[in-house]
Every structure is written in C-alpha cells, then in structure tokens.
N, C-alpha and C. Protein backbone atom coordinates (compact mmCIF):
# COMPACT_ATOMS: atom_id res chain seq x y z
N MET A 1 -1.11 -10.96 57.17
CA MET A 1 -1.91 -11.11 55.97
C MET A 1 -2.92 -12.23 56.18
N ILE A 2 -4.16 -11.99 55.80
CA ILE A 2 -5.21 -12.98 55.92
C ILE A 2 -5.04 -14.01 54.81
N ASN A 3 -5.02 -15.27 55.19
CA ASN A 3 -4.90 -16.33 54.19
C ASN A 3 -6.26 -16.63 53.57
N LYS A 4 -6.27 -16.74 52.25
CA LYS A 4 -7.45 -17.20 51.54
C LYS A 4 -7.39 -18.72 51.53
N LYS A 5 -8.52 -19.36 51.79
CA LYS A 5 -8.55 -20.81 51.93
C LYS A 5 -8.78 -21.49 50.58
N LEU A 6 -7.89 -22.45 50.28
CA LEU A 6 -7.95 -23.18 49.02
C LEU A 6 -8.22 -24.65 49.28
N ALA A 7 -9.00 -25.25 48.38
CA ALA A 7 -9.17 -26.71 48.33
C ALA A 7 -8.56 -27.16 47.01
N ILE A 8 -7.75 -28.21 47.05
CA ILE A 8 -7.12 -28.73 45.84
C ILE A 8 -7.70 -30.10 45.55
N LEU A 9 -8.20 -30.29 44.33
CA LEU A 9 -8.76 -31.56 43.91
C LEU A 9 -7.85 -32.15 42.84
N PHE A 10 -7.45 -33.40 43.01
CA PHE A 10 -6.54 -34.04 42.06
C PHE A 10 -6.90 -35.52 41.91
N SER A 11 -6.38 -36.11 40.84
CA SER A 11 -6.63 -37.54 40.59
C SER A 11 -5.35 -38.35 40.41
N GLY A 12 -4.22 -37.70 40.22
CA GLY A 12 -3.01 -38.44 39.86
C GLY A 12 -1.81 -38.12 40.70
N THR A 13 -0.75 -37.69 40.05
CA THR A 13 0.55 -37.52 40.71
C THR A 13 0.57 -36.36 41.70
N GLY A 14 -0.31 -35.38 41.52
CA GLY A 14 -0.33 -34.25 42.43
C GLY A 14 0.77 -33.25 42.19
N SER A 15 1.37 -33.24 41.01
CA SER A 15 2.47 -32.31 40.75
C SER A 15 2.00 -30.86 40.80
N ASN A 16 0.80 -30.58 40.32
CA ASN A 16 0.27 -29.21 40.41
C ASN A 16 -0.05 -28.85 41.86
N PHE A 17 -0.57 -29.80 42.59
CA PHE A 17 -0.84 -29.64 44.02
C PHE A 17 0.46 -29.29 44.75
N ALA A 18 1.53 -30.04 44.49
CA ALA A 18 2.83 -29.78 45.13
C ALA A 18 3.34 -28.38 44.79
N TYR A 19 3.15 -27.97 43.55
CA TYR A 19 3.61 -26.64 43.12
C TYR A 19 2.84 -25.55 43.86
N ILE A 20 1.54 -25.74 44.02
CA ILE A 20 0.72 -24.77 44.76
C ILE A 20 1.20 -24.69 46.21
N LEU A 21 1.46 -25.83 46.82
CA LEU A 21 1.97 -25.82 48.19
C LEU A 21 3.28 -25.06 48.29
N GLU A 22 4.16 -25.29 47.35
CA GLU A 22 5.47 -24.65 47.36
C GLU A 22 5.40 -23.14 47.14
N HIS A 23 4.46 -22.69 46.31
CA HIS A 23 4.44 -21.28 45.92
C HIS A 23 3.34 -20.44 46.55
N LEU A 24 2.31 -21.06 47.12
CA LEU A 24 1.21 -20.27 47.69
C LEU A 24 0.89 -20.58 49.14
N HIS A 25 1.03 -21.83 49.55
CA HIS A 25 0.59 -22.23 50.88
C HIS A 25 1.35 -21.44 51.95
N LEU A 26 0.56 -20.81 52.83
CA LEU A 26 1.07 -19.97 53.92
C LEU A 26 1.80 -18.74 53.40
N ARG A 27 1.49 -18.35 52.18
CA ARG A 27 1.99 -17.11 51.57
C ARG A 27 0.79 -16.31 51.06
N GLY A 28 -0.14 -16.06 51.95
CA GLY A 28 -1.37 -15.37 51.58
C GLY A 28 -2.51 -16.33 51.28
N PHE A 29 -2.19 -17.61 51.15
CA PHE A 29 -3.18 -18.65 50.89
C PHE A 29 -2.91 -19.82 51.84
N GLU A 30 -3.98 -20.54 52.14
CA GLU A 30 -3.83 -21.73 52.96
C GLU A 30 -4.58 -22.87 52.29
N VAL A 31 -3.88 -23.96 52.00
CA VAL A 31 -4.54 -25.14 51.47
C VAL A 31 -5.18 -25.85 52.67
N VAL A 32 -6.51 -25.78 52.72
CA VAL A 32 -7.22 -26.31 53.89
C VAL A 32 -7.64 -27.76 53.71
N VAL A 33 -7.63 -28.24 52.46
CA VAL A 33 -7.95 -29.65 52.21
C VAL A 33 -7.47 -30.03 50.81
N ALA A 34 -7.08 -31.28 50.70
CA ALA A 34 -6.80 -31.89 49.41
C ALA A 34 -7.78 -33.03 49.25
N ILE A 35 -8.38 -33.13 48.07
CA ILE A 35 -9.37 -34.18 47.82
C ILE A 35 -8.98 -34.91 46.54
N THR A 36 -9.03 -36.22 46.63
CA THR A 36 -8.81 -37.05 45.45
C THR A 36 -9.95 -38.03 45.29
N ASN A 37 -10.24 -38.35 44.03
CA ASN A 37 -11.24 -39.37 43.72
C ASN A 37 -10.58 -40.72 43.45
N ASN A 38 -9.25 -40.78 43.58
CA ASN A 38 -8.49 -41.97 43.24
C ASN A 38 -7.68 -42.44 44.45
N PRO A 39 -8.10 -43.53 45.08
CA PRO A 39 -7.38 -44.02 46.27
C PRO A 39 -5.92 -44.40 46.00
N GLN A 40 -5.54 -44.55 44.74
CA GLN A 40 -4.16 -44.90 44.38
C GLN A 40 -3.35 -43.68 43.93
N ALA A 41 -3.92 -42.49 43.99
CA ALA A 41 -3.24 -41.29 43.49
C ALA A 41 -1.94 -41.04 44.25
N LYS A 42 -0.89 -40.75 43.52
CA LYS A 42 0.40 -40.49 44.13
C LYS A 42 0.39 -39.17 44.92
N GLY A 43 -0.51 -38.27 44.56
CA GLY A 43 -0.63 -37.01 45.27
C GLY A 43 -1.03 -37.15 46.73
N ILE A 44 -1.55 -38.30 47.11
CA ILE A 44 -1.92 -38.56 48.51
C ILE A 44 -0.69 -38.40 49.41
N GLU A 45 0.44 -38.89 48.94
CA GLU A 45 1.68 -38.78 49.72
C GLU A 45 2.10 -37.32 49.92
N ILE A 46 1.82 -36.48 48.94
CA ILE A 46 2.15 -35.05 49.06
C ILE A 46 1.34 -34.43 50.20
N ALA A 47 0.04 -34.75 50.23
CA ALA A 47 -0.81 -34.22 51.31
C ALA A 47 -0.31 -34.68 52.67
N LYS A 48 0.03 -35.97 52.77
CA LYS A 48 0.51 -36.50 54.05
C LYS A 48 1.83 -35.85 54.46
N LYS A 49 2.73 -35.72 53.51
CA LYS A 49 4.04 -35.13 53.79
C LYS A 49 3.92 -33.70 54.32
N HIS A 50 2.95 -32.95 53.79
CA HIS A 50 2.78 -31.54 54.17
C HIS A 50 1.71 -31.34 55.24
N HIS A 51 1.17 -32.45 55.78
CA HIS A 51 0.16 -32.40 56.83
C HIS A 51 -1.08 -31.60 56.41
N ILE A 52 -1.48 -31.79 55.16
CA ILE A 52 -2.69 -31.16 54.65
C ILE A 52 -3.85 -32.12 54.87
N PRO A 53 -4.96 -31.67 55.44
CA PRO A 53 -6.12 -32.55 55.58
C PRO A 53 -6.46 -33.18 54.22
N LEU A 54 -6.73 -34.47 54.24
CA LEU A 54 -6.93 -35.22 53.00
C LEU A 54 -8.25 -35.96 53.04
N GLU A 55 -8.98 -35.86 51.95
CA GLU A 55 -10.22 -36.62 51.78
C GLU A 55 -10.06 -37.50 50.55
N ILE A 56 -10.27 -38.79 50.72
CA ILE A 56 -10.25 -39.72 49.59
C ILE A 56 -11.69 -40.16 49.37
N ILE A 57 -12.25 -39.74 48.25
CA ILE A 57 -13.63 -40.07 47.91
C ILE A 57 -13.57 -40.88 46.61
N ASP A 58 -13.57 -42.17 46.74
CA ASP A 58 -13.41 -43.05 45.58
C ASP A 58 -14.62 -42.94 44.67
N SER A 59 -14.42 -42.36 43.49
CA SER A 59 -15.54 -42.15 42.57
C SER A 59 -16.15 -43.46 42.10
N LYS A 60 -15.39 -44.55 42.15
CA LYS A 60 -15.91 -45.85 41.71
C LYS A 60 -16.91 -46.43 42.72
N ALA A 61 -16.96 -45.86 43.91
CA ALA A 61 -17.87 -46.36 44.94
C ALA A 61 -19.30 -45.81 44.77
N TYR A 62 -19.49 -44.93 43.80
CA TYR A 62 -20.79 -44.29 43.61
C TYR A 62 -21.40 -44.73 42.29
N SER A 63 -22.70 -44.88 42.28
CA SER A 63 -23.38 -45.41 41.09
C SER A 63 -23.49 -44.39 39.96
N ASN A 64 -23.38 -43.10 40.29
CA ASN A 64 -23.46 -42.09 39.24
C ASN A 64 -22.72 -40.82 39.65
N ARG A 65 -22.51 -39.94 38.69
CA ARG A 65 -21.75 -38.70 38.93
C ARG A 65 -22.46 -37.79 39.93
N GLU A 66 -23.77 -37.72 39.84
CA GLU A 66 -24.53 -36.85 40.74
C GLU A 66 -24.34 -37.25 42.20
N GLU A 67 -24.40 -38.54 42.47
CA GLU A 67 -24.21 -39.04 43.83
C GLU A 67 -22.81 -38.69 44.33
N PHE A 68 -21.81 -38.92 43.49
CA PHE A 68 -20.43 -38.58 43.85
C PHE A 68 -20.30 -37.08 44.13
N ASP A 69 -20.86 -36.26 43.25
CA ASP A 69 -20.75 -34.82 43.42
C ASP A 69 -21.44 -34.32 44.69
N ARG A 70 -22.52 -34.95 45.09
CA ARG A 70 -23.19 -34.55 46.33
C ARG A 70 -22.26 -34.79 47.53
N VAL A 71 -21.61 -35.94 47.54
CA VAL A 71 -20.67 -36.24 48.62
C VAL A 71 -19.48 -35.27 48.56
N LEU A 72 -18.98 -35.02 47.37
CA LEU A 72 -17.85 -34.10 47.19
C LEU A 72 -18.18 -32.69 47.71
N VAL A 73 -19.34 -32.19 47.34
CA VAL A 73 -19.75 -30.85 47.80
C VAL A 73 -19.92 -30.83 49.32
N ASP A 74 -20.52 -31.86 49.87
CA ASP A 74 -20.68 -31.93 51.33
C ASP A 74 -19.33 -31.90 52.04
N ARG A 75 -18.37 -32.65 51.53
CA ARG A 75 -17.03 -32.68 52.15
C ARG A 75 -16.34 -31.33 52.00
N LEU A 76 -16.44 -30.73 50.83
CA LEU A 76 -15.83 -29.40 50.64
C LEU A 76 -16.42 -28.39 51.62
N ASN A 77 -17.72 -28.45 51.81
CA ASN A 77 -18.38 -27.49 52.70
C ASN A 77 -17.87 -27.56 54.13
N ILE A 78 -17.38 -28.70 54.55
CA ILE A 78 -16.80 -28.84 55.90
C ILE A 78 -15.62 -27.89 56.07
N TYR A 79 -14.84 -27.71 55.00
CA TYR A 79 -13.61 -26.91 55.06
C TYR A 79 -13.82 -25.45 54.64
N ASN A 80 -14.97 -25.17 54.05
CA ASN A 80 -15.36 -23.80 53.68
C ASN A 80 -14.26 -23.06 52.90
N PRO A 81 -13.77 -23.62 51.79
CA PRO A 81 -12.72 -22.93 51.03
C PRO A 81 -13.27 -21.70 50.30
N ASP A 82 -12.40 -20.72 50.12
CA ASP A 82 -12.76 -19.55 49.31
C ASP A 82 -12.74 -19.91 47.82
N LEU A 83 -11.90 -20.89 47.46
CA LEU A 83 -11.75 -21.31 46.08
C LEU A 83 -11.31 -22.76 46.04
N SER A 84 -11.91 -23.52 45.14
CA SER A 84 -11.49 -24.90 44.90
C SER A 84 -10.78 -24.95 43.55
N ILE A 85 -9.68 -25.68 43.51
CA ILE A 85 -8.86 -25.75 42.31
C ILE A 85 -8.82 -27.18 41.81
N LEU A 86 -9.28 -27.37 40.59
CA LEU A 86 -9.20 -28.67 39.94
C LEU A 86 -7.84 -28.73 39.25
N ALA A 87 -6.93 -29.45 39.85
CA ALA A 87 -5.55 -29.52 39.37
C ALA A 87 -5.26 -30.97 38.98
N GLY A 88 -5.68 -31.32 37.77
CA GLY A 88 -5.56 -32.71 37.37
C GLY A 88 -6.64 -33.57 37.98
N PHE A 89 -7.81 -32.99 38.21
CA PHE A 89 -8.95 -33.73 38.75
C PHE A 89 -9.75 -34.26 37.56
N MET A 90 -9.66 -35.54 37.33
CA MET A 90 -10.18 -36.14 36.10
C MET A 90 -11.62 -36.61 36.30
N ARG A 91 -12.50 -35.65 36.44
CA ARG A 91 -13.93 -35.93 36.60
C ARG A 91 -14.73 -34.92 35.80
N ILE A 92 -15.79 -35.39 35.17
CA ILE A 92 -16.78 -34.48 34.59
C ILE A 92 -17.77 -34.22 35.70
N LEU A 93 -17.95 -32.95 36.04
CA LEU A 93 -18.75 -32.58 37.20
C LEU A 93 -20.17 -32.21 36.79
N THR A 94 -21.10 -32.51 37.66
CA THR A 94 -22.52 -32.23 37.41
C THR A 94 -22.85 -30.82 37.89
N PRO A 95 -24.03 -30.33 37.50
CA PRO A 95 -24.46 -29.01 37.99
C PRO A 95 -24.53 -28.93 39.51
N HIS A 96 -24.71 -30.06 40.20
CA HIS A 96 -24.72 -29.98 41.67
C HIS A 96 -23.38 -29.41 42.17
N PHE A 97 -22.30 -29.82 41.56
CA PHE A 97 -20.98 -29.26 41.91
C PHE A 97 -20.83 -27.85 41.35
N THR A 98 -21.04 -27.71 40.05
CA THR A 98 -20.74 -26.43 39.39
C THR A 98 -21.62 -25.28 39.89
N ASP A 99 -22.81 -25.58 40.36
CA ASP A 99 -23.69 -24.53 40.88
C ASP A 99 -23.40 -24.18 42.34
N ASN A 100 -22.65 -25.03 43.03
CA ASN A 100 -22.47 -24.84 44.47
C ASN A 100 -21.03 -24.60 44.93
N VAL A 101 -20.07 -24.73 44.03
CA VAL A 101 -18.67 -24.60 44.42
C VAL A 101 -17.97 -23.60 43.51
N LYS A 102 -17.36 -22.59 44.11
CA LYS A 102 -16.56 -21.62 43.35
C LYS A 102 -15.24 -22.30 43.03
N SER A 103 -15.04 -22.61 41.73
CA SER A 103 -13.86 -23.40 41.39
C SER A 103 -13.29 -23.02 40.03
N ILE A 104 -11.99 -23.31 39.91
CA ILE A 104 -11.28 -23.10 38.66
C ILE A 104 -10.64 -24.41 38.22
N ASN A 105 -10.34 -24.48 36.94
CA ASN A 105 -9.75 -25.68 36.37
C ASN A 105 -8.54 -25.30 35.52
N LEU A 106 -7.55 -26.15 35.57
CA LEU A 106 -6.37 -26.04 34.72
C LEU A 106 -6.57 -27.00 33.55
N HIS A 107 -6.37 -26.50 32.31
CA HIS A 107 -6.54 -27.34 31.13
C HIS A 107 -5.36 -27.14 30.18
N PRO A 108 -4.77 -28.25 29.69
CA PRO A 108 -3.55 -28.14 28.88
C PRO A 108 -3.78 -27.90 27.39
N SER A 109 -4.62 -26.92 27.07
CA SER A 109 -4.77 -26.45 25.69
C SER A 109 -5.27 -25.02 25.74
N LEU A 110 -5.23 -24.37 24.60
CA LEU A 110 -5.79 -23.02 24.50
C LEU A 110 -7.28 -23.15 24.22
N LEU A 111 -8.06 -23.16 25.30
CA LEU A 111 -9.51 -23.28 25.13
C LEU A 111 -10.02 -22.10 24.32
N PRO A 112 -11.02 -22.28 23.51
CA PRO A 112 -11.95 -23.41 23.51
C PRO A 112 -11.50 -24.63 22.69
N ARG A 113 -10.29 -24.62 22.19
CA ARG A 113 -9.82 -25.78 21.42
C ARG A 113 -9.52 -26.95 22.36
N HIS A 114 -9.83 -28.13 21.91
CA HIS A 114 -9.42 -29.39 22.54
C HIS A 114 -9.90 -29.57 23.99
N LYS A 115 -11.19 -29.46 24.15
CA LYS A 115 -11.79 -29.72 25.46
C LYS A 115 -11.68 -31.21 25.77
N GLY A 116 -11.69 -31.54 27.06
CA GLY A 116 -11.70 -32.93 27.46
C GLY A 116 -10.33 -33.59 27.45
N LEU A 117 -10.35 -34.90 27.27
CA LEU A 117 -9.13 -35.70 27.39
C LEU A 117 -8.20 -35.55 26.19
N ASN A 118 -6.94 -35.91 26.41
CA ASN A 118 -5.91 -35.94 25.38
C ASN A 118 -5.67 -34.58 24.72
N ALA A 119 -5.84 -33.53 25.47
CA ALA A 119 -5.72 -32.18 24.92
C ALA A 119 -4.31 -31.86 24.47
N ILE A 120 -3.30 -32.35 25.16
CA ILE A 120 -1.92 -32.05 24.77
C ILE A 120 -1.62 -32.67 23.41
N GLU A 121 -1.98 -33.91 23.24
CA GLU A 121 -1.75 -34.59 21.97
C GLU A 121 -2.52 -33.90 20.84
N LYS A 122 -3.79 -33.61 21.08
CA LYS A 122 -4.61 -32.96 20.06
C LYS A 122 -4.06 -31.59 19.70
N SER A 123 -3.63 -30.85 20.70
CA SER A 123 -3.08 -29.51 20.46
C SER A 123 -1.79 -29.58 19.66
N TYR A 124 -0.94 -30.51 20.00
CA TYR A 124 0.34 -30.64 19.28
C TYR A 124 0.11 -30.98 17.81
N GLU A 125 -0.89 -31.78 17.55
CA GLU A 125 -1.14 -32.26 16.19
C GLU A 125 -2.03 -31.35 15.36
N ASP A 126 -2.63 -30.32 15.93
CA ASP A 126 -3.54 -29.48 15.15
C ASP A 126 -2.78 -28.55 14.21
N GLU A 127 -3.54 -27.77 13.44
CA GLU A 127 -2.95 -26.92 12.41
C GLU A 127 -2.48 -25.55 12.91
N TYR A 128 -2.69 -25.27 14.18
CA TYR A 128 -2.36 -23.94 14.71
C TYR A 128 -0.88 -23.82 15.04
N GLU A 129 -0.37 -22.61 14.94
CA GLU A 129 1.04 -22.32 15.20
C GLU A 129 1.38 -22.39 16.69
N PHE A 130 0.38 -22.11 17.52
CA PHE A 130 0.59 -22.06 18.96
C PHE A 130 -0.31 -23.08 19.67
N GLY A 131 0.22 -23.62 20.76
CA GLY A 131 -0.56 -24.38 21.72
C GLY A 131 -0.43 -23.65 23.04
N GLY A 132 -0.84 -24.28 24.12
CA GLY A 132 -0.69 -23.62 25.41
C GLY A 132 -1.58 -24.21 26.48
N VAL A 133 -1.79 -23.43 27.52
CA VAL A 133 -2.60 -23.86 28.65
C VAL A 133 -3.63 -22.78 28.99
N SER A 134 -4.69 -23.21 29.65
CA SER A 134 -5.75 -22.30 30.08
C SER A 134 -6.13 -22.58 31.52
N VAL A 135 -6.49 -21.54 32.23
CA VAL A 135 -7.14 -21.67 33.53
C VAL A 135 -8.49 -20.98 33.36
N HIS A 136 -9.56 -21.67 33.75
CA HIS A 136 -10.90 -21.13 33.54
C HIS A 136 -11.79 -21.45 34.74
N TRP A 137 -12.86 -20.67 34.84
CA TRP A 137 -13.87 -20.96 35.85
C TRP A 137 -14.58 -22.24 35.47
N VAL A 138 -14.90 -23.05 36.45
CA VAL A 138 -15.64 -24.28 36.20
C VAL A 138 -17.11 -23.93 36.04
N SER A 139 -17.69 -24.46 34.97
CA SER A 139 -19.11 -24.27 34.72
C SER A 139 -19.72 -25.63 34.38
N SER A 140 -21.00 -25.64 34.09
CA SER A 140 -21.67 -26.90 33.77
C SER A 140 -21.29 -27.41 32.38
N VAL A 141 -20.60 -26.59 31.59
CA VAL A 141 -20.13 -27.00 30.27
C VAL A 141 -18.68 -27.47 30.41
N LEU A 142 -18.38 -28.68 29.97
CA LEU A 142 -17.03 -29.24 30.08
C LEU A 142 -16.01 -28.30 29.46
N ASP A 143 -15.04 -27.86 30.28
CA ASP A 143 -13.97 -26.95 29.86
C ASP A 143 -14.52 -25.73 29.13
N GLY A 144 -15.71 -25.28 29.58
CA GLY A 144 -16.38 -24.19 28.88
C GLY A 144 -16.56 -22.92 29.68
N GLY A 145 -16.05 -22.87 30.90
CA GLY A 145 -16.23 -21.67 31.72
C GLY A 145 -15.35 -20.53 31.24
N GLU A 146 -15.64 -19.36 31.76
CA GLU A 146 -14.91 -18.14 31.38
C GLU A 146 -13.41 -18.32 31.64
N ILE A 147 -12.62 -17.91 30.66
CA ILE A 147 -11.16 -18.02 30.75
C ILE A 147 -10.64 -16.96 31.73
N ILE A 148 -9.77 -17.37 32.62
CA ILE A 148 -9.11 -16.47 33.56
C ILE A 148 -7.75 -16.06 33.01
N LEU A 149 -7.01 -17.05 32.52
CA LEU A 149 -5.64 -16.80 32.05
C LEU A 149 -5.24 -17.88 31.07
N GLN A 150 -4.51 -17.48 30.02
CA GLN A 150 -3.93 -18.44 29.08
C GLN A 150 -2.49 -18.07 28.82
N LYS A 151 -1.70 -19.07 28.45
CA LYS A 151 -0.33 -18.82 28.02
C LYS A 151 -0.07 -19.68 26.79
N LYS A 152 0.47 -19.04 25.76
CA LYS A 152 0.76 -19.71 24.50
C LYS A 152 2.22 -20.13 24.44
N ILE A 153 2.43 -21.21 23.68
CA ILE A 153 3.81 -21.58 23.31
C ILE A 153 3.81 -21.94 21.83
N ARG A 154 4.88 -21.61 21.18
CA ARG A 154 5.04 -21.91 19.76
C ARG A 154 5.35 -23.40 19.61
N LYS A 155 4.74 -24.03 18.60
CA LYS A 155 4.89 -25.47 18.43
C LYS A 155 5.88 -25.86 17.33
N ASP A 156 6.22 -24.94 16.45
CA ASP A 156 7.05 -25.35 15.32
C ASP A 156 8.47 -25.71 15.75
N ASN A 157 9.02 -26.69 15.09
CA ASN A 157 10.40 -27.15 15.30
C ASN A 157 10.67 -27.75 16.68
N ILE A 158 9.63 -28.28 17.33
CA ILE A 158 9.87 -29.02 18.58
C ILE A 158 9.18 -30.37 18.48
N THR A 159 9.75 -31.34 19.17
CA THR A 159 9.15 -32.68 19.20
C THR A 159 7.95 -32.68 20.15
N PHE A 160 7.16 -33.75 20.06
CA PHE A 160 6.05 -33.88 20.99
C PHE A 160 6.56 -33.92 22.42
N GLU A 161 7.66 -34.61 22.66
CA GLU A 161 8.22 -34.71 24.01
C GLU A 161 8.59 -33.33 24.56
N GLU A 162 9.19 -32.49 23.72
CA GLU A 162 9.54 -31.13 24.14
C GLU A 162 8.29 -30.30 24.41
N TYR A 163 7.30 -30.47 23.54
CA TYR A 163 6.04 -29.75 23.70
C TYR A 163 5.36 -30.16 25.01
N ASN A 164 5.23 -31.46 25.23
CA ASN A 164 4.61 -31.98 26.44
C ASN A 164 5.33 -31.48 27.69
N TYR A 165 6.66 -31.53 27.69
CA TYR A 165 7.45 -31.06 28.83
C TYR A 165 7.16 -29.57 29.10
N THR A 166 7.14 -28.78 28.04
CA THR A 166 6.91 -27.33 28.20
C THR A 166 5.51 -27.05 28.72
N ILE A 167 4.51 -27.75 28.19
CA ILE A 167 3.13 -27.58 28.68
C ILE A 167 3.07 -27.93 30.16
N ARG A 168 3.65 -29.03 30.56
CA ARG A 168 3.61 -29.46 31.97
C ARG A 168 4.32 -28.47 32.88
N LYS A 169 5.35 -27.83 32.37
CA LYS A 169 6.09 -26.84 33.16
C LYS A 169 5.28 -25.55 33.31
N ILE A 170 4.79 -25.02 32.19
CA ILE A 170 4.10 -23.72 32.27
C ILE A 170 2.74 -23.82 32.91
N GLU A 171 2.10 -25.00 32.88
CA GLU A 171 0.76 -25.08 33.46
C GLU A 171 0.79 -24.78 34.95
N LYS A 172 1.83 -25.19 35.63
CA LYS A 172 1.96 -24.93 37.06
C LYS A 172 2.10 -23.43 37.33
N GLU A 173 2.94 -22.78 36.54
CA GLU A 173 3.18 -21.34 36.69
C GLU A 173 1.90 -20.55 36.40
N VAL A 174 1.20 -20.93 35.35
CA VAL A 174 -0.03 -20.24 34.96
C VAL A 174 -1.11 -20.44 36.01
N LEU A 175 -1.21 -21.64 36.56
CA LEU A 175 -2.21 -21.90 37.60
C LEU A 175 -1.98 -21.02 38.82
N VAL A 176 -0.75 -20.95 39.28
CA VAL A 176 -0.44 -20.11 40.45
C VAL A 176 -0.72 -18.64 40.14
N LYS A 177 -0.33 -18.19 38.98
CA LYS A 177 -0.57 -16.79 38.59
C LYS A 177 -2.07 -16.51 38.54
N ALA A 178 -2.85 -17.44 38.02
CA ALA A 178 -4.31 -17.26 37.95
C ALA A 178 -4.92 -17.19 39.35
N ILE A 179 -4.49 -18.08 40.23
CA ILE A 179 -5.02 -18.07 41.60
C ILE A 179 -4.75 -16.70 42.26
N LYS A 180 -3.53 -16.21 42.09
CA LYS A 180 -3.17 -14.91 42.67
C LYS A 180 -4.00 -13.77 42.08
N SER A 181 -4.43 -13.92 40.83
CA SER A 181 -5.15 -12.82 40.15
C SER A 181 -6.63 -12.74 40.54
N ILE A 182 -7.15 -13.79 41.14
CA ILE A 182 -8.58 -13.83 41.46
C ILE A 182 -8.85 -13.07 42.75
N ASN A 183 -9.84 -12.20 42.69
CA ASN A 183 -10.26 -11.46 43.88
C ASN A 183 -11.18 -12.36 44.70
N LEU A 184 -10.69 -12.80 45.83
CA LEU A 184 -11.46 -13.71 46.68
C LEU A 184 -12.10 -12.99 47.87
N SER A 185 -12.24 -11.70 47.79
CA SER A 185 -12.85 -10.95 48.90
C SER A 185 -14.32 -11.21 49.01
C-alpha cells in the first residue's frame, strides 16, 4: 500500500500527534515531519521517541505572522506532504499559508459556533443541547473552512470536567476518521 505523506503541526502536548502516530503512521499513511512553533512543546519528545523528523520554528523569533508563515511553508515544502494537519497548532495563519498548503484543522466545538480560543468552555456554557468537535479545511477565515467531519455529544447532566474529558477523547478519533476519509490522490 502506498503511504500518503502527512505533516503534523502542534504547539503543546502533542496528544493528537501521538494518536495519529499510533493509529495511522505506517498504516497507509506516513508522518514525514512534525512541526512545532513552541520550543517548549511536550510533543517534541513524541517526535524524538518515534524518530519523526522534527522542525522547531519558534514563532516568537519572527516579527510578524506573514514572516513566520513564509518560513513554515518553505520548511513544509522540503517534506512535500500530501496533507498537513493542524493538531493543536495555536497559530492564526496568513493567506501565504492557507493559499499554499493543503491542510486540515481540528477544533473542539461544533463549528461555526465558538471559533478561536476557549471553544470548549464557550461550548459547554452555551444554550445548545449538544457540543462536539469539528475537523475542517484550513482557509483564510479563522476556523471557517469547509467542514469535513463533526461529532456531537450531549451536554446535559455532565460536569465541565466530564465534558472536557469527552471532547478531548473524541477529538482524536474524529481527526483520524477525517484523515482517512480525505481523498489524497
């Protein structure tokens, strides 16, 4: 089976990155690079442990988002991924990235509700019966690209801690399912 090449971009613990490695890497997909914008990200250890090529591009070293995105796109192009996955990558990307990189994003709310930061908290506290997660194509509009896959969970009669735990659990499953559903031919 021909492996489709994936790039994983993360900023924090790398738990979604680890899940992708466990469920997709060398199973029809190959993670060809992991990129973080945070030199202190715990996910760096995951890349090292699994011998995944790693790029650390400290976003604080650049004077603006456009400059950072130019470097990011140049580095991605070295690895020529079929798909880039923003898995906890905490950056607002410029059109230089969104126009040049085929990428998807995992977001912990039922988009279009609660774009941006603190989506889990906002979703838990809103008036809707259901919350959930979304995987969408990355576009120049923050959390505004076409939805690929969503999964709902009922919010009534659960604490915020239970809700947060469930969102964190299902987001990994939904992300992997979305990646598998995309035709990368």
